[in-house]
Amino acid sequence: MTDASKELSFEELERIYGLLAEGIDAAGPEREALFLSKLALILARRTGDPDAVAAAIEAARQDLDLSSI
């Protein structure tokens, strides 16, 4: 398990963004949701903190226009 309190640098976030974009592209539109769900569950398990995962889910939901879904 890693230290969940460590903040990533801008460069690290840029690298992760690129890897995430590549993963989404490789999955394709029909499996994008499956890829992202699997990724979220893997990261949640590695985090080992259900409250932190719940807070991250809530943060990701912020500013989404859920009425258009």
PDB file of N, CA and C in Angstrom:
ATOM      1  N   MET A   1       0.832  -1.188   0.000  1.00  0.00           N
ATOM      2  CA  MET A   1       0.000   0.000   0.000  1.00  0.00           C
ATOM      3  C   MET A   1       0.876   1.250   0.000  1.00  0.00           C
ATOM      4  N   THR A   2       0.391   2.284  -0.642  1.00  0.00           N
ATOM      5  CA  THR A   2       1.146   3.529  -0.705  1.00  0.00           C
ATOM      6  C   THR A   2       0.583   4.527   0.286  1.00  0.00           C
ATOM      7  N   ASP A   3       1.351   5.575   0.515  1.00  0.00           N
ATOM      8  CA  ASP A   3       0.916   6.648   1.397  1.00  0.00           C
ATOM      9  C   ASP A   3      -0.092   7.515   0.653  1.00  0.00           C
ATOM     10  N   ALA A   4      -1.378   7.389   1.023  1.00  0.00           N
ATOM     11  CA  ALA A   4      -2.451   8.097   0.327  1.00  0.00           C
ATOM     12  C   ALA A   4      -2.378   9.607   0.530  1.00  0.00           C
ATOM     13  N   SER A   5      -1.609  10.072   1.513  1.00  0.00           N
ATOM     14  CA  SER A   5      -1.547  11.506   1.769  1.00  0.00           C
ATOM     15  C   SER A   5      -0.538  12.214   0.857  1.00  0.00           C
ATOM     16  N   LYS A   6       0.282  11.463   0.106  1.00  0.00           N
ATOM     17  CA  LYS A   6       1.265  12.064  -0.793  1.00  0.00           C
ATOM     18  C   LYS A   6       0.551  12.700  -1.974  1.00  0.00           C
ATOM     19  N   GLU A   7       0.880  13.943  -2.228  1.00  0.00           N
ATOM     20  CA  GLU A   7       0.313  14.650  -3.384  1.00  0.00           C
ATOM     21  C   GLU A   7       1.228  14.451  -4.572  1.00  0.00           C
ATOM     22  N   LEU A   8       0.628  14.212  -5.733  1.00  0.00           N
ATOM     23  CA  LEU A   8       1.404  14.034  -6.951  1.00  0.00           C
ATOM     24  C   LEU A   8       1.787  15.388  -7.526  1.00  0.00           C
ATOM     25  N   SER A   9       2.951  15.434  -8.141  1.00  0.00           N
ATOM     26  CA  SER A   9       3.392  16.657  -8.795  1.00  0.00           C
ATOM     27  C   SER A   9       2.609  16.848 -10.092  1.00  0.00           C
ATOM     28  N   PHE A  10       2.689  18.043 -10.650  1.00  0.00           N
ATOM     29  CA  PHE A  10       2.027  18.324 -11.920  1.00  0.00           C
ATOM     30  C   PHE A  10       2.538  17.375 -13.002  1.00  0.00           C
ATOM     31  N   GLU A  11       3.841  17.136 -13.022  1.00  0.00           N
ATOM     32  CA  GLU A  11       4.438  16.242 -14.016  1.00  0.00           C
ATOM     33  C   GLU A  11       3.918  14.818 -13.856  1.00  0.00           C
ATOM     34  N   GLU A  12       3.792  14.365 -12.621  1.00  0.00           N
ATOM     35  CA  GLU A  12       3.260  13.020 -12.372  1.00  0.00           C
ATOM     36  C   GLU A  12       1.807  12.926 -12.828  1.00  0.00           C
ATOM     37  N   LEU A  13       1.025  13.974 -12.542  1.00  0.00           N
ATOM     38  CA  LEU A  13      -0.375  13.979 -12.987  1.00  0.00           C
ATOM     39  C   LEU A  13      -0.478  13.981 -14.507  1.00  0.00           C
ATOM     40  N   GLU A  14       0.386  14.721 -15.170  1.00  0.00           N
ATOM     41  CA  GLU A  14       0.403  14.742 -16.638  1.00  0.00           C
ATOM     42  C   GLU A  14       0.709  13.357 -17.197  1.00  0.00           C
ATOM     43  N   ARG A  15       1.663  12.669 -16.601  1.00  0.00           N
ATOM     44  CA  ARG A  15       2.024  11.306 -17.034  1.00  0.00           C
ATOM     45  C   ARG A  15       0.842  10.364 -16.842  1.00  0.00           C
ATOM     46  N   ILE A  16       0.201  10.449 -15.684  1.00  0.00           N
ATOM     47  CA  ILE A  16      -0.946   9.583 -15.398  1.00  0.00           C
ATOM     48  C   ILE A  16      -2.095   9.900 -16.346  1.00  0.00           C
ATOM     49  N   TYR A  17      -2.325  11.168 -16.626  1.00  0.00           N
ATOM     50  CA  TYR A  17      -3.374  11.560 -17.564  1.00  0.00           C
ATOM     51  C   TYR A  17      -3.118  10.922 -18.934  1.00  0.00           C
ATOM     52  N   GLY A  18      -1.875  10.956 -19.377  1.00  0.00           N
ATOM     53  CA  GLY A  18      -1.529  10.348 -20.656  1.00  0.00           C
ATOM     54  C   GLY A  18      -1.767   8.849 -20.662  1.00  0.00           C
ATOM     55  N   LEU A  19      -1.368   8.181 -19.594  1.00  0.00           N
ATOM     56  CA  LEU A  19      -1.591   6.739 -19.497  1.00  0.00           C
ATOM     57  C   LEU A  19      -3.080   6.410 -19.458  1.00  0.00           C
ATOM     58  N   LEU A  20      -3.835   7.219 -18.737  1.00  0.00           N
ATOM     59  CA  LEU A  20      -5.281   7.022 -18.660  1.00  0.00           C
ATOM     60  C   LEU A  20      -5.930   7.206 -20.030  1.00  0.00           C
ATOM     61  N   ALA A  21      -5.529   8.247 -20.749  1.00  0.00           N
ATOM     62  CA  ALA A  21      -6.067   8.490 -22.085  1.00  0.00           C
ATOM     63  C   ALA A  21      -5.744   7.333 -23.018  1.00  0.00           C
ATOM     64  N   GLU A  22      -4.519   6.809 -22.933  1.00  0.00           N
ATOM     65  CA  GLU A  22      -4.131   5.668 -23.757  1.00  0.00           C
ATOM     66  C   GLU A  22      -4.975   4.439 -23.422  1.00  0.00           C
ATOM     67  N   GLY A  23      -5.210   4.225 -22.135  1.00  0.00           N
ATOM     68  CA  GLY A  23      -6.036   3.083 -21.712  1.00  0.00           C
ATOM     69  C   GLY A  23      -7.458   3.193 -22.215  1.00  0.00           C
ATOM     70  N   ILE A  24      -8.020   4.385 -22.139  1.00  0.00           N
ATOM     71  CA  ILE A  24      -9.389   4.608 -22.629  1.00  0.00           C
ATOM     72  C   ILE A  24      -9.438   4.400 -24.139  1.00  0.00           C
ATOM     73  N   ASP A  25      -8.454   4.927 -24.854  1.00  0.00           N
ATOM     74  CA  ASP A  25      -8.412   4.738 -26.308  1.00  0.00           C
ATOM     75  C   ASP A  25      -8.283   3.266 -26.670  1.00  0.00           C
ATOM     76  N   ALA A  26      -7.436   2.535 -25.946  1.00  0.00           N
ATOM     77  CA  ALA A  26      -7.239   1.115 -26.226  1.00  0.00           C
ATOM     78  C   ALA A  26      -8.507   0.306 -25.934  1.00  0.00           C
ATOM     79  N   ALA A  27      -9.233   0.696 -24.905  1.00  0.00           N
ATOM     80  CA  ALA A  27     -10.472  -0.014 -24.562  1.00  0.00           C
ATOM     81  C   ALA A  27     -11.550   0.212 -25.616  1.00  0.00           C
ATOM     82  N   GLY A  28     -11.557   1.389 -26.197  1.00  0.00           N
ATOM     83  CA  GLY A  28     -12.574   1.720 -27.185  1.00  0.00           C
ATOM     84  C   GLY A  28     -13.870   2.147 -26.513  1.00  0.00           C
ATOM     85  N   PRO A  29     -14.743   2.801 -27.275  1.00  0.00           N
ATOM     86  CA  PRO A  29     -15.983   3.340 -26.701  1.00  0.00           C
ATOM     87  C   PRO A  29     -16.872   2.273 -26.052  1.00  0.00           C
ATOM     88  N   GLU A  30     -16.873   1.081 -26.622  1.00  0.00           N
ATOM     89  CA  GLU A  30     -17.761   0.039 -26.099  1.00  0.00           C
ATOM     90  C   GLU A  30     -17.282  -0.549 -24.775  1.00  0.00           C
ATOM     91  N   ARG A  31     -15.993  -0.383 -24.443  1.00  0.00           N
ATOM     92  CA  ARG A  31     -15.478  -0.936 -23.180  1.00  0.00           C
ATOM     93  C   ARG A  31     -14.865   0.126 -22.275  1.00  0.00           C
ATOM     94  N   GLU A  32     -15.067   1.393 -22.609  1.00  0.00           N
ATOM     95  CA  GLU A  32     -14.520   2.482 -21.808  1.00  0.00           C
ATOM     96  C   GLU A  32     -15.024   2.434 -20.364  1.00  0.00           C
ATOM     97  N   ALA A  33     -16.328   2.259 -20.185  1.00  0.00           N
ATOM     98  CA  ALA A  33     -16.894   2.218 -18.830  1.00  0.00           C
ATOM     99  C   ALA A  33     -16.346   1.024 -18.043  1.00  0.00           C
ATOM    100  N   LEU A  34     -16.192  -0.111 -18.706  1.00  0.00           N
ATOM    101  CA  LEU A  34     -15.637  -1.286 -18.040  1.00  0.00           C
ATOM    102  C   LEU A  34     -14.197  -1.026 -17.608  1.00  0.00           C
ATOM    103  N   PHE A  35     -13.399  -0.444 -18.503  1.00  0.00           N
ATOM    104  CA  PHE A  35     -12.009  -0.112 -18.170  1.00  0.00           C
ATOM    105  C   PHE A  35     -11.944   0.820 -16.959  1.00  0.00           C
ATOM    106  N   LEU A  36     -12.745   1.883 -16.978  1.00  0.00           N
ATOM    107  CA  LEU A  36     -12.711   2.851 -15.878  1.00  0.00           C
ATOM    108  C   LEU A  36     -13.215   2.247 -14.571  1.00  0.00           C
ATOM    109  N   SER A  37     -14.220   1.383 -14.649  1.00  0.00           N
ATOM    110  CA  SER A  37     -14.720   0.712 -13.445  1.00  0.00           C
ATOM    111  C   SER A  37     -13.660  -0.208 -12.852  1.00  0.00           C
ATOM    112  N   LYS A  38     -13.005  -0.989 -13.720  1.00  0.00           N
ATOM    113  CA  LYS A  38     -11.944  -1.880 -13.241  1.00  0.00           C
ATOM    114  C   LYS A  38     -10.814  -1.078 -12.619  1.00  0.00           C
ATOM    115  N   LEU A  39     -10.423   0.011 -13.266  1.00  0.00           N
ATOM    116  CA  LEU A  39      -9.358   0.864 -12.741  1.00  0.00           C
ATOM    117  C   LEU A  39      -9.734   1.411 -11.367  1.00  0.00           C
ATOM    118  N   ALA A  40     -10.969   1.901 -11.239  1.00  0.00           N
ATOM    119  CA  ALA A  40     -11.420   2.464  -9.958  1.00  0.00           C
ATOM    120  C   ALA A  40     -11.382   1.414  -8.853  1.00  0.00           C
ATOM    121  N   LEU A  41     -11.818   0.196  -9.155  1.00  0.00           N
ATOM    122  CA  LEU A  41     -11.826  -0.854  -8.136  1.00  0.00           C
ATOM    123  C   LEU A  41     -10.413  -1.288  -7.764  1.00  0.00           C
ATOM    124  N   ILE A  42      -9.524  -1.364  -8.744  1.00  0.00           N
ATOM    125  CA  ILE A  42      -8.127  -1.716  -8.455  1.00  0.00           C
ATOM    126  C   ILE A  42      -7.487  -0.651  -7.556  1.00  0.00           C
ATOM    127  N   LEU A  43      -7.698   0.623  -7.903  1.00  0.00           N
ATOM    128  CA  LEU A  43      -7.138   1.703  -7.091  1.00  0.00           C
ATOM    129  C   LEU A  43      -7.766   1.739  -5.698  1.00  0.00           C
ATOM    130  N   ALA A  44      -9.059   1.469  -5.607  1.00  0.00           N
ATOM    131  CA  ALA A  44      -9.721   1.437  -4.300  1.00  0.00           C
ATOM    132  C   ALA A  44      -9.121   0.346  -3.427  1.00  0.00           C
ATOM    133  N   ARG A  45      -8.904  -0.809  -4.021  1.00  0.00           N
ATOM    134  CA  ARG A  45      -8.333  -1.915  -3.248  1.00  0.00           C
ATOM    135  C   ARG A  45      -6.921  -1.580  -2.779  1.00  0.00           C
ATOM    136  N   ARG A  46      -6.140  -0.969  -3.662  1.00  0.00           N
ATOM    137  CA  ARG A  46      -4.762  -0.612  -3.294  1.00  0.00           C
ATOM    138  C   ARG A  46      -4.726   0.504  -2.267  1.00  0.00           C
ATOM    139  N   THR A  47      -5.711   1.387  -2.312  1.00  0.00           N
ATOM    140  CA  THR A  47      -5.788   2.470  -1.327  1.00  0.00           C
ATOM    141  C   THR A  47      -6.076   1.904   0.051  1.00  0.00           C
ATOM    142  N   GLY A  48      -7.025   0.968   0.111  1.00  0.00           N
ATOM    143  CA  GLY A  48      -7.346   0.331   1.376  1.00  0.00           C
ATOM    144  C   GLY A  48      -8.096   1.216   2.354  1.00  0.00           C
ATOM    145  N   ASP A  49      -8.658   2.304   1.868  1.00  0.00           N
ATOM    146  CA  ASP A  49      -9.366   3.241   2.740  1.00  0.00           C
ATOM    147  C   ASP A  49     -10.729   3.549   2.138  1.00  0.00           C
ATOM    148  N   PRO A  50     -11.781   2.847   2.582  1.00  0.00           N
ATOM    149  CA  PRO A  50     -13.104   3.037   1.985  1.00  0.00           C
ATOM    150  C   PRO A  50     -13.622   4.470   2.093  1.00  0.00           C
ATOM    151  N   ASP A  51     -13.288   5.169   3.165  1.00  0.00           N
ATOM    152  CA  ASP A  51     -13.747   6.550   3.301  1.00  0.00           C
ATOM    153  C   ASP A  51     -13.074   7.464   2.272  1.00  0.00           C
ATOM    154  N   ALA A  52     -11.781   7.242   2.033  1.00  0.00           N
ATOM    155  CA  ALA A  52     -11.074   8.033   1.031  1.00  0.00           C
ATOM    156  C   ALA A  52     -11.621   7.743  -0.367  1.00  0.00           C
ATOM    157  N   VAL A  53     -11.951   6.486  -0.631  1.00  0.00           N
ATOM    158  CA  VAL A  53     -12.517   6.124  -1.935  1.00  0.00           C
ATOM    159  C   VAL A  53     -13.886   6.776  -2.108  1.00  0.00           C
ATOM    160  N   ALA A  54     -14.714   6.732  -1.069  1.00  0.00           N
ATOM    161  CA  ALA A  54     -16.036   7.366  -1.133  1.00  0.00           C
ATOM    162  C   ALA A  54     -15.903   8.868  -1.365  1.00  0.00           C
ATOM    163  N   ALA A  55     -14.940   9.494  -0.702  1.00  0.00           N
ATOM    164  CA  ALA A  55     -14.715  10.935  -0.892  1.00  0.00           C
ATOM    165  C   ALA A  55     -14.246  11.227  -2.319  1.00  0.00           C
ATOM    166  N   ALA A  56     -13.410  10.356  -2.874  1.00  0.00           N
ATOM    167  CA  ALA A  56     -12.940  10.543  -4.251  1.00  0.00           C
ATOM    168  C   ALA A  56     -14.092  10.392  -5.245  1.00  0.00           C
ATOM    169  N   ILE A  57     -14.975   9.445  -5.001  1.00  0.00           N
ATOM    170  CA  ILE A  57     -16.149   9.275  -5.874  1.00  0.00           C
ATOM    171  C   ILE A  57     -17.006  10.528  -5.827  1.00  0.00           C
ATOM    172  N   GLU A  58     -17.228  11.048  -4.647  1.00  0.00           N
ATOM    173  CA  GLU A  58     -18.028  12.273  -4.511  1.00  0.00           C
ATOM    174  C   GLU A  58     -17.339  13.444  -5.204  1.00  0.00           C
ATOM    175  N   ALA A  59     -16.020  13.541  -5.066  1.00  0.00           N
ATOM    176  CA  ALA A  59     -15.283  14.622  -5.731  1.00  0.00           C
ATOM    177  C   ALA A  59     -15.402  14.505  -7.245  1.00  0.00           C
ATOM    178  N   ALA A  60     -15.360  13.286  -7.763  1.00  0.00           N
ATOM    179  CA  ALA A  60     -15.476  13.082  -9.208  1.00  0.00           C
ATOM    180  C   ALA A  60     -16.872  13.439  -9.717  1.00  0.00           C
ATOM    181  N   ARG A  61     -17.871  13.281  -8.867  1.00  0.00           N
ATOM    182  CA  ARG A  61     -19.249  13.615  -9.251  1.00  0.00           C
ATOM    183  C   ARG A  61     -19.515  15.114  -9.261  1.00  0.00           C
ATOM    184  N   GLN A  62     -18.676  15.866  -8.569  1.00  0.00           N
ATOM    185  CA  GLN A  62     -18.857  17.314  -8.496  1.00  0.00           C
ATOM    186  C   GLN A  62     -18.828  17.908  -9.896  1.00  0.00           C
ATOM    187  N   ASP A  63     -19.684  18.835 -10.137  1.00  0.00           N
ATOM    188  CA  ASP A  63     -19.732  19.607 -11.377  1.00  0.00           C
ATOM    189  C   ASP A  63     -20.123  18.807 -12.610  1.00  0.00           C
ATOM    190  N   LEU A  64     -20.630  17.584 -12.430  1.00  0.00           N
ATOM    191  CA  LEU A  64     -21.128  16.823 -13.562  1.00  0.00           C
ATOM    192  C   LEU A  64     -22.593  17.185 -13.783  1.00  0.00           C
ATOM    193  N   ASP A  65     -22.981  17.318 -15.018  1.00  0.00           N
ATOM    194  CA  ASP A  65     -24.373  17.543 -15.333  1.00  0.00           C
ATOM    195  C   ASP A  65     -25.034  16.185 -15.489  1.00  0.00           C
ATOM    196  N   LEU A  66     -25.487  15.606 -14.365  1.00  0.00           N
ATOM    197  CA  LEU A  66     -26.061  14.273 -14.394  1.00  0.00           C
ATOM    198  C   LEU A  66     -27.398  14.213 -15.103  1.00  0.00           C
ATOM    199  N   SER A  67     -28.029  15.347 -15.342  1.00  0.00           N
ATOM    200  CA  SER A  67     -29.320  15.331 -16.034  1.00  0.00           C
ATOM    201  C   SER A  67     -29.166  14.999 -17.517  1.00  0.00           C
ATOM    202  N   SER A  68     -27.948  15.143 -18.047  1.00  0.00           N
ATOM    203  CA  SER A  68     -27.743  14.866 -19.472  1.00  0.00           C
ATOM    204  C   SER A  68     -27.378  13.419 -19.739  1.00  0.00           C
ATOM    205  N   ILE A  69     -27.259  12.625 -18.676  1.00  0.00           N
ATOM    206  CA  ILE A  69     -26.873  11.216 -18.831  1.00  0.00           C
ATOM    207  C   ILE A  69     -28.105  10.360 -19.042  1.00  0.00           C
TER     208      ILE A  69
END
